[in-house]
């Protein structure tokens, strides 16, 4: 955590507060939305990829620093972290009682294609990855950015493949039509 020592106190405290808010919100989400249904093989990989990526990002902090003054990396990182957090929260809110941290489809659950789901099939994961990108930037290191993204992206891609198999099976043609008109994570890219 070398760069935090050099940040102005306000920026350092904002980064710590952002991490704390995100950690508490994620823990609450994990505890509140666990599924009782079939076992989700991608769930453990999501947790492992996220924890490993964050840990490696902190280990790499301060090496191969980003260009510009330190306050700029911290500020841009914070904006990205809050943007990602907001997108994830919006996606969770729109799904409401159907949001689960483990992939499942409840009886009577229909396709949701409003809010962020109008353009993205997995906006919650997009938000999570934007948050991790922001953390890497806030740590002022090219290596932190790579570490914060590499393993979580691999875990998210694995998760998306599993989730889409389940959704195609459970929601049928309605989901296939939805998939044809929306992007997975980034509009116009994938």
N, C-alpha and C. Protein backbone atom coordinates (compact mmCIF):
# COMPACT_ATOMS: atom_id res chain seq x y z
N UNK A 1 0.81 -1.19 0.00
CA UNK A 1 0.00 0.00 0.00
C UNK A 1 0.86 1.26 0.00
N UNK A 2 1.99 1.20 -0.57
CA UNK A 2 2.92 2.30 -0.58
C UNK A 2 2.31 3.64 -1.00
N UNK A 3 1.51 3.72 -2.09
CA UNK A 3 1.07 5.03 -2.53
C UNK A 3 0.14 5.73 -1.54
N UNK A 4 -0.60 4.99 -0.71
CA UNK A 4 -1.50 5.64 0.22
C UNK A 4 -0.74 6.49 1.23
N UNK A 5 0.49 6.11 1.53
CA UNK A 5 1.31 6.87 2.47
C UNK A 5 1.56 8.27 1.92
N UNK A 6 1.68 8.38 0.62
CA UNK A 6 2.02 9.65 -0.01
C UNK A 6 0.80 10.48 -0.43
N UNK A 7 -0.38 9.91 -0.39
CA UNK A 7 -1.58 10.66 -0.76
C UNK A 7 -1.87 11.72 0.30
N UNK A 8 -2.47 12.82 -0.14
CA UNK A 8 -3.01 13.74 0.87
C UNK A 8 -4.03 12.98 1.72
N UNK A 9 -4.13 13.34 2.97
CA UNK A 9 -4.98 12.63 3.92
C UNK A 9 -6.41 12.48 3.40
N UNK A 10 -6.96 13.53 2.82
CA UNK A 10 -8.36 13.49 2.35
C UNK A 10 -8.53 12.41 1.28
N UNK A 11 -7.62 12.36 0.30
CA UNK A 11 -7.73 11.35 -0.75
C UNK A 11 -7.55 9.95 -0.19
N UNK A 12 -6.57 9.78 0.67
CA UNK A 12 -6.35 8.47 1.29
C UNK A 12 -7.60 8.01 2.02
N UNK A 13 -8.17 8.91 2.82
CA UNK A 13 -9.37 8.55 3.59
C UNK A 13 -10.57 8.28 2.69
N UNK A 14 -10.69 9.01 1.58
CA UNK A 14 -11.78 8.74 0.64
C UNK A 14 -11.63 7.36 -0.01
N UNK A 15 -10.41 6.98 -0.33
CA UNK A 15 -10.18 5.66 -0.90
C UNK A 15 -10.52 4.58 0.12
N UNK A 16 -10.04 4.74 1.35
CA UNK A 16 -10.37 3.77 2.39
C UNK A 16 -11.88 3.70 2.63
N UNK A 17 -12.54 4.86 2.69
CA UNK A 17 -13.99 4.88 2.92
C UNK A 17 -14.74 4.21 1.77
N UNK A 18 -14.29 4.46 0.54
CA UNK A 18 -14.92 3.83 -0.61
C UNK A 18 -14.77 2.32 -0.56
N UNK A 19 -13.57 1.85 -0.23
CA UNK A 19 -13.35 0.41 -0.09
C UNK A 19 -14.22 -0.18 1.02
N UNK A 20 -14.34 0.54 2.12
CA UNK A 20 -15.15 0.05 3.24
C UNK A 20 -16.63 -0.02 2.86
N UNK A 21 -17.14 1.03 2.23
CA UNK A 21 -18.55 1.04 1.81
C UNK A 21 -18.81 -0.11 0.83
N UNK A 22 -17.92 -0.27 -0.14
CA UNK A 22 -18.10 -1.33 -1.13
C UNK A 22 -18.02 -2.71 -0.48
N UNK A 23 -17.09 -2.90 0.44
CA UNK A 23 -16.95 -4.20 1.11
C UNK A 23 -18.19 -4.53 1.94
N UNK A 24 -18.70 -3.57 2.69
CA UNK A 24 -19.90 -3.80 3.51
C UNK A 24 -21.10 -4.08 2.61
N UNK A 25 -21.25 -3.29 1.54
CA UNK A 25 -22.38 -3.50 0.61
C UNK A 25 -22.30 -4.88 -0.04
N UNK A 26 -21.11 -5.27 -0.43
CA UNK A 26 -20.94 -6.58 -1.09
C UNK A 26 -21.19 -7.72 -0.10
N UNK A 27 -20.71 -7.58 1.12
CA UNK A 27 -20.96 -8.60 2.14
C UNK A 27 -22.46 -8.73 2.40
N UNK A 28 -23.14 -7.59 2.54
CA UNK A 28 -24.58 -7.60 2.74
C UNK A 28 -25.28 -8.30 1.58
N UNK A 29 -24.85 -7.98 0.35
CA UNK A 29 -25.44 -8.59 -0.84
C UNK A 29 -25.19 -10.10 -0.85
N UNK A 30 -23.97 -10.50 -0.50
CA UNK A 30 -23.64 -11.93 -0.48
C UNK A 30 -24.51 -12.68 0.53
N UNK A 31 -24.71 -12.11 1.69
CA UNK A 31 -25.48 -12.77 2.75
C UNK A 31 -26.98 -12.76 2.44
N UNK A 32 -27.46 -11.68 1.86
CA UNK A 32 -28.89 -11.52 1.62
C UNK A 32 -29.41 -12.27 0.41
N UNK A 33 -28.58 -12.52 -0.57
CA UNK A 33 -29.08 -13.03 -1.85
C UNK A 33 -28.54 -14.40 -2.24
N UNK A 34 -28.13 -15.19 -1.27
CA UNK A 34 -27.68 -16.55 -1.59
C UNK A 34 -28.87 -17.38 -2.07
N UNK A 35 -28.63 -18.27 -3.02
CA UNK A 35 -29.67 -19.14 -3.56
C UNK A 35 -29.74 -20.43 -2.78
N UNK A 36 -30.91 -21.01 -2.76
CA UNK A 36 -31.11 -22.31 -2.12
C UNK A 36 -31.15 -23.42 -3.16
N UNK A 37 -31.17 -23.07 -4.44
CA UNK A 37 -31.35 -24.04 -5.52
C UNK A 37 -30.09 -24.82 -5.84
N UNK A 38 -29.94 -25.13 -7.11
CA UNK A 38 -28.80 -25.95 -7.55
C UNK A 38 -27.48 -25.23 -7.32
N UNK A 39 -26.44 -26.01 -7.16
CA UNK A 39 -25.10 -25.50 -6.89
C UNK A 39 -24.58 -24.74 -8.11
N UNK A 40 -23.96 -23.62 -7.86
CA UNK A 40 -23.43 -22.76 -8.92
C UNK A 40 -21.91 -22.91 -8.96
N UNK A 41 -21.37 -23.61 -9.97
CA UNK A 41 -19.92 -23.82 -10.02
C UNK A 41 -19.12 -22.55 -10.27
N UNK A 42 -19.75 -21.50 -10.80
CA UNK A 42 -19.01 -20.27 -11.09
C UNK A 42 -18.88 -19.35 -9.88
N UNK A 43 -19.64 -19.61 -8.83
CA UNK A 43 -19.66 -18.73 -7.66
C UNK A 43 -18.30 -18.67 -6.97
N UNK A 44 -17.72 -19.82 -6.73
CA UNK A 44 -16.41 -19.86 -6.05
C UNK A 44 -15.35 -19.17 -6.89
N UNK A 45 -15.42 -19.35 -8.22
CA UNK A 45 -14.44 -18.71 -9.10
C UNK A 45 -14.60 -17.19 -9.08
N UNK A 46 -15.84 -16.72 -8.97
CA UNK A 46 -16.06 -15.27 -8.87
C UNK A 46 -15.41 -14.71 -7.60
N UNK A 47 -15.64 -15.38 -6.49
CA UNK A 47 -15.04 -14.93 -5.23
C UNK A 47 -13.52 -15.00 -5.29
N UNK A 48 -13.00 -16.13 -5.75
CA UNK A 48 -11.54 -16.32 -5.80
C UNK A 48 -10.89 -15.30 -6.75
N UNK A 49 -11.48 -15.10 -7.92
CA UNK A 49 -10.92 -14.14 -8.88
C UNK A 49 -10.92 -12.72 -8.33
N UNK A 50 -12.01 -12.36 -7.65
CA UNK A 50 -12.11 -11.02 -7.09
C UNK A 50 -11.09 -10.81 -5.98
N UNK A 51 -11.04 -11.73 -5.02
CA UNK A 51 -10.10 -11.58 -3.90
C UNK A 51 -8.65 -11.61 -4.37
N UNK A 52 -8.34 -12.53 -5.27
CA UNK A 52 -6.96 -12.63 -5.77
C UNK A 52 -6.57 -11.37 -6.54
N UNK A 53 -7.46 -10.86 -7.38
CA UNK A 53 -7.16 -9.65 -8.15
C UNK A 53 -6.93 -8.45 -7.25
N UNK A 54 -7.79 -8.28 -6.25
CA UNK A 54 -7.64 -7.15 -5.33
C UNK A 54 -6.34 -7.29 -4.53
N UNK A 55 -6.07 -8.47 -4.05
CA UNK A 55 -4.84 -8.69 -3.27
C UNK A 55 -3.60 -8.38 -4.11
N UNK A 56 -3.57 -8.90 -5.33
CA UNK A 56 -2.41 -8.64 -6.19
C UNK A 56 -2.31 -7.16 -6.56
N UNK A 57 -3.44 -6.48 -6.71
CA UNK A 57 -3.41 -5.04 -7.00
C UNK A 57 -2.75 -4.27 -5.87
N UNK A 58 -3.06 -4.63 -4.63
CA UNK A 58 -2.44 -3.96 -3.49
C UNK A 58 -0.95 -4.29 -3.39
N UNK A 59 -0.59 -5.53 -3.70
CA UNK A 59 0.83 -5.91 -3.67
C UNK A 59 1.61 -5.10 -4.70
N UNK A 60 1.01 -4.86 -5.86
CA UNK A 60 1.71 -4.14 -6.94
C UNK A 60 1.63 -2.63 -6.79
N UNK A 61 0.89 -2.13 -5.82
CA UNK A 61 0.67 -0.69 -5.66
C UNK A 61 1.98 0.09 -5.64
N UNK A 62 2.00 1.18 -6.39
CA UNK A 62 3.14 2.07 -6.39
C UNK A 62 4.26 1.68 -7.32
N UNK A 63 4.17 0.52 -7.98
CA UNK A 63 5.21 0.13 -8.95
C UNK A 63 4.74 0.52 -10.34
N UNK A 64 5.65 0.92 -11.17
CA UNK A 64 5.31 1.40 -12.51
C UNK A 64 4.17 2.42 -12.45
N UNK A 65 4.43 3.50 -11.79
CA UNK A 65 3.41 4.52 -11.53
C UNK A 65 2.80 5.08 -12.80
N UNK A 66 1.57 5.52 -12.68
CA UNK A 66 0.85 6.14 -13.78
C UNK A 66 1.40 7.54 -14.02
N UNK A 67 1.23 8.09 -15.23
CA UNK A 67 1.72 9.45 -15.47
C UNK A 67 0.88 10.48 -14.73
N UNK A 68 1.47 11.61 -14.49
CA UNK A 68 0.75 12.70 -13.83
C UNK A 68 0.93 12.70 -12.33
N UNK A 69 0.39 13.71 -11.70
CA UNK A 69 0.51 13.82 -10.25
C UNK A 69 -0.30 12.72 -9.54
N UNK A 70 0.13 12.37 -8.36
CA UNK A 70 -0.50 11.30 -7.60
C UNK A 70 -1.97 11.57 -7.32
N UNK A 71 -2.32 12.84 -7.05
CA UNK A 71 -3.71 13.16 -6.77
C UNK A 71 -4.61 12.85 -7.95
N UNK A 72 -4.07 12.91 -9.17
CA UNK A 72 -4.87 12.65 -10.37
C UNK A 72 -5.25 11.17 -10.43
N UNK A 73 -4.29 10.28 -10.19
CA UNK A 73 -4.59 8.85 -10.18
C UNK A 73 -5.63 8.53 -9.11
N UNK A 74 -5.46 9.10 -7.94
CA UNK A 74 -6.41 8.86 -6.85
C UNK A 74 -7.80 9.37 -7.21
N UNK A 75 -7.87 10.55 -7.79
CA UNK A 75 -9.17 11.14 -8.13
C UNK A 75 -9.87 10.37 -9.24
N UNK A 76 -9.15 10.04 -10.30
CA UNK A 76 -9.74 9.26 -11.40
C UNK A 76 -10.14 7.89 -10.88
N UNK A 77 -9.31 7.27 -10.07
CA UNK A 77 -9.64 5.98 -9.49
C UNK A 77 -10.90 6.02 -8.67
N UNK A 78 -11.04 7.05 -7.84
CA UNK A 78 -12.25 7.19 -7.02
C UNK A 78 -13.50 7.37 -7.88
N UNK A 79 -13.41 8.18 -8.92
CA UNK A 79 -14.56 8.38 -9.81
C UNK A 79 -14.96 7.05 -10.45
N UNK A 80 -13.99 6.29 -10.92
CA UNK A 80 -14.29 4.99 -11.53
C UNK A 80 -14.88 4.02 -10.49
N UNK A 81 -14.33 4.02 -9.29
CA UNK A 81 -14.84 3.13 -8.25
C UNK A 81 -16.30 3.44 -7.94
N UNK A 82 -16.63 4.72 -7.78
CA UNK A 82 -18.01 5.09 -7.47
C UNK A 82 -18.93 4.86 -8.66
N UNK A 83 -18.45 5.07 -9.88
CA UNK A 83 -19.27 4.80 -11.06
C UNK A 83 -19.58 3.30 -11.15
N UNK A 84 -18.58 2.47 -10.93
CA UNK A 84 -18.79 1.03 -10.95
C UNK A 84 -19.73 0.57 -9.84
N UNK A 85 -19.53 1.13 -8.65
CA UNK A 85 -20.39 0.80 -7.51
C UNK A 85 -21.84 1.18 -7.81
N UNK A 86 -22.03 2.37 -8.39
CA UNK A 86 -23.38 2.85 -8.71
C UNK A 86 -24.05 1.97 -9.76
N UNK A 87 -23.30 1.58 -10.79
CA UNK A 87 -23.87 0.71 -11.83
C UNK A 87 -24.27 -0.65 -11.24
N UNK A 88 -23.41 -1.21 -10.41
CA UNK A 88 -23.74 -2.49 -9.78
C UNK A 88 -24.98 -2.36 -8.89
N UNK A 89 -25.04 -1.31 -8.10
CA UNK A 89 -26.20 -1.09 -7.22
C UNK A 89 -27.48 -0.91 -8.03
N UNK A 90 -27.39 -0.17 -9.13
CA UNK A 90 -28.55 0.04 -10.00
C UNK A 90 -29.03 -1.30 -10.57
N UNK A 91 -28.09 -2.11 -11.05
CA UNK A 91 -28.44 -3.42 -11.62
C UNK A 91 -29.11 -4.31 -10.57
N UNK A 92 -28.58 -4.32 -9.37
CA UNK A 92 -29.16 -5.12 -8.29
C UNK A 92 -30.57 -4.63 -7.97
N UNK A 93 -30.72 -3.32 -7.90
CA UNK A 93 -32.03 -2.73 -7.56
C UNK A 93 -33.07 -3.05 -8.63
N UNK A 94 -32.70 -2.98 -9.90
CA UNK A 94 -33.64 -3.24 -10.98
C UNK A 94 -34.10 -4.71 -10.94
N UNK A 95 -33.19 -5.63 -10.68
CA UNK A 95 -33.59 -7.04 -10.59
C UNK A 95 -34.40 -7.32 -9.33
N UNK A 96 -34.18 -6.52 -8.30
CA UNK A 96 -34.96 -6.66 -7.08
C UNK A 96 -34.84 -8.04 -6.45
N UNK A 97 -35.96 -8.64 -6.12
CA UNK A 97 -35.96 -9.93 -5.41
C UNK A 97 -35.38 -11.06 -6.24
N UNK A 98 -35.22 -10.86 -7.55
CA UNK A 98 -34.66 -11.91 -8.40
C UNK A 98 -33.13 -11.90 -8.45
N UNK A 99 -32.49 -10.86 -7.90
CA UNK A 99 -31.03 -10.83 -7.90
C UNK A 99 -30.50 -11.88 -6.93
N UNK A 100 -29.56 -12.68 -7.40
CA UNK A 100 -28.89 -13.70 -6.58
C UNK A 100 -27.40 -13.66 -6.90
N UNK A 101 -26.58 -13.90 -5.86
CA UNK A 101 -25.14 -13.96 -6.10
C UNK A 101 -24.75 -15.30 -6.71
N UNK A 102 -25.62 -16.27 -6.59
CA UNK A 102 -25.43 -17.54 -7.28
C UNK A 102 -26.44 -17.60 -8.42
N UNK A 103 -26.03 -18.13 -9.55
CA UNK A 103 -26.89 -18.16 -10.72
C UNK A 103 -28.08 -19.08 -10.46
N UNK A 104 -29.27 -18.50 -10.60
CA UNK A 104 -30.50 -19.29 -10.47
C UNK A 104 -31.64 -18.51 -11.12
N UNK A 105 -32.68 -19.24 -11.48
CA UNK A 105 -33.89 -18.63 -12.02
C UNK A 105 -35.04 -19.16 -11.17
N UNK A 106 -35.76 -18.25 -10.54
CA UNK A 106 -36.87 -18.64 -9.69
C UNK A 106 -38.12 -18.91 -10.51
N UNK A 107 -39.01 -19.71 -9.96
CA UNK A 107 -40.30 -19.95 -10.59
C UNK A 107 -41.03 -18.62 -10.76
N UNK A 108 -41.55 -18.40 -11.93
CA UNK A 108 -42.28 -17.16 -12.19
C UNK A 108 -41.40 -15.98 -12.56
N UNK A 109 -40.11 -16.16 -12.58
CA UNK A 109 -39.20 -15.07 -12.93
C UNK A 109 -39.24 -14.85 -14.43
N UNK A 110 -39.42 -13.62 -14.83
CA UNK A 110 -39.40 -13.27 -16.25
C UNK A 110 -38.12 -12.55 -16.61
N UNK A 111 -38.02 -12.23 -17.87
CA UNK A 111 -36.86 -11.51 -18.36
C UNK A 111 -36.95 -10.04 -17.95
N UNK A 112 -35.89 -9.50 -17.43
CA UNK A 112 -35.82 -8.08 -17.07
C UNK A 112 -34.98 -7.38 -18.14
N UNK A 113 -35.59 -6.41 -18.80
CA UNK A 113 -34.85 -5.68 -19.85
C UNK A 113 -35.06 -4.17 -19.73
N UNK A 114 -35.14 -3.71 -18.48
CA UNK A 114 -35.27 -2.28 -18.21
C UNK A 114 -34.04 -1.79 -17.46
N UNK A 115 -33.94 -0.48 -17.28
CA UNK A 115 -32.78 0.08 -16.59
C UNK A 115 -31.50 -0.28 -17.33
N UNK A 116 -30.46 -0.66 -16.60
CA UNK A 116 -29.20 -0.98 -17.28
C UNK A 116 -29.30 -2.24 -18.14
N UNK A 117 -30.32 -3.06 -17.88
CA UNK A 117 -30.51 -4.30 -18.64
C UNK A 117 -31.07 -4.04 -20.03
N UNK A 118 -31.45 -2.82 -20.33
CA UNK A 118 -31.92 -2.48 -21.66
C UNK A 118 -30.78 -2.54 -22.68
N UNK A 119 -29.56 -2.30 -22.23
CA UNK A 119 -28.38 -2.31 -23.13
C UNK A 119 -27.39 -3.41 -22.82
N UNK A 120 -27.34 -3.84 -21.55
CA UNK A 120 -26.35 -4.83 -21.12
C UNK A 120 -27.04 -6.03 -20.49
N UNK A 121 -26.55 -7.22 -20.80
CA UNK A 121 -27.11 -8.41 -20.17
C UNK A 121 -26.55 -8.61 -18.76
N UNK A 122 -25.37 -8.07 -18.49
CA UNK A 122 -24.72 -8.30 -17.20
C UNK A 122 -24.15 -7.00 -16.63
N UNK A 123 -25.00 -5.99 -16.41
CA UNK A 123 -24.49 -4.70 -15.93
C UNK A 123 -23.89 -4.77 -14.53
N UNK A 124 -24.31 -5.72 -13.74
CA UNK A 124 -23.73 -5.87 -12.40
C UNK A 124 -22.25 -6.23 -12.51
N UNK A 125 -21.92 -7.09 -13.45
CA UNK A 125 -20.51 -7.46 -13.64
C UNK A 125 -19.73 -6.31 -14.26
N UNK A 126 -20.35 -5.58 -15.17
CA UNK A 126 -19.68 -4.40 -15.73
C UNK A 126 -19.34 -3.43 -14.60
N UNK A 127 -20.30 -3.19 -13.71
CA UNK A 127 -20.06 -2.30 -12.58
C UNK A 127 -18.94 -2.80 -11.69
N UNK A 128 -18.93 -4.09 -11.43
CA UNK A 128 -17.88 -4.68 -10.61
C UNK A 128 -16.50 -4.47 -11.25
N UNK A 129 -16.41 -4.70 -12.55
CA UNK A 129 -15.13 -4.55 -13.23
C UNK A 129 -14.69 -3.09 -13.31
N UNK A 130 -15.63 -2.17 -13.48
CA UNK A 130 -15.28 -0.74 -13.47
C UNK A 130 -14.75 -0.36 -12.08
N UNK A 131 -15.37 -0.90 -11.04
CA UNK A 131 -14.88 -0.65 -9.68
C UNK A 131 -13.44 -1.15 -9.53
N UNK A 132 -13.16 -2.36 -9.99
CA UNK A 132 -11.81 -2.91 -9.89
C UNK A 132 -10.80 -2.10 -10.71
N UNK A 133 -11.22 -1.66 -11.88
CA UNK A 133 -10.35 -0.79 -12.68
C UNK A 133 -10.02 0.47 -11.90
N UNK A 134 -11.03 1.07 -11.29
CA UNK A 134 -10.82 2.26 -10.49
C UNK A 134 -9.86 2.02 -9.33
N UNK A 135 -9.98 0.86 -8.69
CA UNK A 135 -9.06 0.53 -7.60
C UNK A 135 -7.63 0.46 -8.13
N UNK A 136 -7.43 -0.20 -9.26
CA UNK A 136 -6.09 -0.27 -9.84
C UNK A 136 -5.52 1.10 -10.15
N UNK A 137 -6.36 1.98 -10.70
CA UNK A 137 -5.91 3.35 -11.00
C UNK A 137 -5.60 4.09 -9.70
N UNK A 138 -6.48 3.96 -8.70
CA UNK A 138 -6.26 4.65 -7.42
C UNK A 138 -4.98 4.20 -6.75
N UNK A 139 -4.55 2.98 -7.03
CA UNK A 139 -3.29 2.48 -6.45
C UNK A 139 -2.07 2.97 -7.22
N UNK A 140 -2.30 3.79 -8.25
CA UNK A 140 -1.23 4.46 -9.00
C UNK A 140 -0.19 3.49 -9.55
N UNK A 141 -0.68 2.47 -10.26
CA UNK A 141 0.25 1.50 -10.80
C UNK A 141 -0.35 0.79 -12.01
N UNK A 142 0.44 0.73 -13.07
CA UNK A 142 0.02 -0.05 -14.24
C UNK A 142 -0.14 -1.51 -13.83
N UNK A 143 0.75 -2.01 -12.99
CA UNK A 143 0.65 -3.40 -12.55
C UNK A 143 -0.59 -3.63 -11.69
N UNK A 144 -0.95 -2.65 -10.88
CA UNK A 144 -2.18 -2.77 -10.07
C UNK A 144 -3.41 -2.83 -10.96
N UNK A 145 -3.41 -2.05 -12.03
CA UNK A 145 -4.54 -2.09 -12.96
C UNK A 145 -4.65 -3.48 -13.58
N UNK A 146 -3.53 -4.01 -14.05
CA UNK A 146 -3.54 -5.35 -14.66
C UNK A 146 -3.99 -6.39 -13.63
N UNK A 147 -3.44 -6.33 -12.44
CA UNK A 147 -3.79 -7.31 -11.40
C UNK A 147 -5.25 -7.19 -10.99
N UNK A 148 -5.75 -5.96 -10.86
CA UNK A 148 -7.14 -5.75 -10.44
C UNK A 148 -8.13 -6.21 -11.50
N UNK A 149 -7.68 -6.29 -12.75
CA UNK A 149 -8.58 -6.65 -13.83
C UNK A 149 -8.42 -8.10 -14.32
N UNK A 150 -7.22 -8.61 -14.38
CA UNK A 150 -6.96 -9.88 -15.07
C UNK A 150 -7.75 -11.05 -14.49
N UNK A 151 -7.57 -11.34 -13.23
CA UNK A 151 -8.28 -12.48 -12.63
C UNK A 151 -9.78 -12.24 -12.51
N UNK A 152 -10.21 -11.04 -12.09
CA UNK A 152 -11.66 -10.81 -12.07
C UNK A 152 -12.31 -10.90 -13.46
N UNK A 153 -11.65 -10.42 -14.51
CA UNK A 153 -12.23 -10.55 -15.85
C UNK A 153 -12.36 -12.02 -16.23
N UNK A 154 -11.33 -12.81 -15.95
CA UNK A 154 -11.41 -14.24 -16.23
C UNK A 154 -12.56 -14.89 -15.47
N UNK A 155 -12.73 -14.53 -14.21
CA UNK A 155 -13.82 -15.08 -13.41
C UNK A 155 -15.18 -14.63 -13.94
N UNK A 156 -15.30 -13.37 -14.35
CA UNK A 156 -16.56 -12.86 -14.88
C UNK A 156 -16.91 -13.53 -16.21
N UNK A 157 -15.94 -13.71 -17.07
CA UNK A 157 -16.21 -14.39 -18.36
C UNK A 157 -16.68 -15.81 -18.11
N UNK A 158 -16.03 -16.52 -17.20
CA UNK A 158 -16.47 -17.87 -16.83
C UNK A 158 -17.90 -17.82 -16.30
N UNK A 159 -18.18 -16.87 -15.45
CA UNK A 159 -19.51 -16.72 -14.84
C UNK A 159 -20.56 -16.43 -15.90
N UNK A 160 -20.24 -15.54 -16.84
CA UNK A 160 -21.20 -15.19 -17.89
C UNK A 160 -21.54 -16.42 -18.74
N UNK A 161 -20.56 -17.21 -19.09
CA UNK A 161 -20.84 -18.41 -19.88
C UNK A 161 -21.79 -19.35 -19.13
N UNK A 162 -21.54 -19.54 -17.85
CA UNK A 162 -22.41 -20.39 -17.03
C UNK A 162 -23.81 -19.77 -16.93
N UNK A 163 -23.87 -18.49 -16.61
CA UNK A 163 -25.15 -17.81 -16.42
C UNK A 163 -25.99 -17.83 -17.69
N UNK A 164 -25.36 -17.59 -18.82
CA UNK A 164 -26.12 -17.56 -20.07
C UNK A 164 -26.65 -18.94 -20.45
N UNK A 165 -25.91 -20.00 -20.13
CA UNK A 165 -26.42 -21.36 -20.35
C UNK A 165 -27.70 -21.58 -19.54
N UNK A 166 -27.65 -21.17 -18.27
CA UNK A 166 -28.82 -21.34 -17.39
C UNK A 166 -29.99 -20.51 -17.89
N UNK A 167 -29.74 -19.26 -18.25
CA UNK A 167 -30.82 -18.38 -18.70
C UNK A 167 -31.43 -18.84 -20.02
N UNK A 168 -30.60 -19.34 -20.94
CA UNK A 168 -31.14 -19.88 -22.20
C UNK A 168 -32.01 -21.10 -21.91
N UNK A 169 -31.56 -21.96 -21.01
CA UNK A 169 -32.32 -23.16 -20.65
C UNK A 169 -33.65 -22.79 -19.99
N UNK A 170 -33.60 -21.84 -19.05
CA UNK A 170 -34.80 -21.52 -18.27
C UNK A 170 -35.75 -20.54 -18.94
N UNK A 171 -35.22 -19.58 -19.70
CA UNK A 171 -36.07 -18.55 -20.30
C UNK A 171 -36.27 -18.73 -21.80
N UNK A 172 -35.54 -19.67 -22.40
CA UNK A 172 -35.75 -20.06 -23.78
C UNK A 172 -35.56 -18.96 -24.81
N UNK A 173 -36.46 -18.95 -25.79
CA UNK A 173 -36.36 -18.03 -26.93
C UNK A 173 -36.41 -16.57 -26.50
N UNK A 174 -37.13 -16.28 -25.44
CA UNK A 174 -37.20 -14.90 -24.95
C UNK A 174 -35.80 -14.40 -24.59
N UNK A 175 -34.99 -15.23 -23.94
CA UNK A 175 -33.63 -14.83 -23.59
C UNK A 175 -32.75 -14.76 -24.84
N UNK A 176 -32.90 -15.72 -25.74
CA UNK A 176 -32.08 -15.71 -26.96
C UNK A 176 -32.33 -14.43 -27.78
N UNK A 177 -33.58 -14.01 -27.88
CA UNK A 177 -33.90 -12.76 -28.60
C UNK A 177 -33.30 -11.56 -27.88
N UNK A 178 -33.39 -11.56 -26.55
CA UNK A 178 -32.79 -10.49 -25.74
C UNK A 178 -31.27 -10.44 -25.95
N UNK A 179 -30.64 -11.61 -25.98
CA UNK A 179 -29.18 -11.68 -26.15
C UNK A 179 -28.75 -11.14 -27.51
N UNK A 180 -29.58 -11.32 -28.52
CA UNK A 180 -29.24 -10.82 -29.85
C UNK A 180 -29.25 -9.29 -29.92
N UNK A 181 -30.02 -8.63 -29.07
CA UNK A 181 -30.13 -7.17 -29.15
C UNK A 181 -29.35 -6.42 -28.05
N UNK A 182 -28.66 -7.15 -27.18
CA UNK A 182 -27.90 -6.50 -26.10
C UNK A 182 -26.47 -7.00 -26.07
N UNK A 183 -25.61 -6.21 -25.44
CA UNK A 183 -24.21 -6.60 -25.26
C UNK A 183 -24.07 -7.30 -23.91
N UNK A 184 -23.04 -8.10 -23.77
CA UNK A 184 -22.80 -8.77 -22.49
C UNK A 184 -22.32 -7.77 -21.44
N UNK A 185 -21.18 -7.12 -21.71
CA UNK A 185 -20.55 -6.24 -20.72
C UNK A 185 -20.37 -4.81 -21.20
N UNK A 186 -20.00 -4.64 -22.47
CA UNK A 186 -19.66 -3.30 -22.99
C UNK A 186 -20.39 -3.11 -24.32
N UNK A 187 -21.32 -2.14 -24.39
CA UNK A 187 -22.04 -1.93 -25.65
C UNK A 187 -21.09 -1.72 -26.83
N UNK A 188 -21.38 -2.40 -27.92
CA UNK A 188 -20.57 -2.28 -29.12
C UNK A 188 -19.27 -3.05 -29.10
N UNK A 189 -18.92 -3.67 -27.97
CA UNK A 189 -17.66 -4.42 -27.87
C UNK A 189 -17.92 -5.89 -27.63
N UNK A 190 -18.60 -6.22 -26.51
CA UNK A 190 -18.90 -7.62 -26.18
C UNK A 190 -20.01 -7.70 -25.20
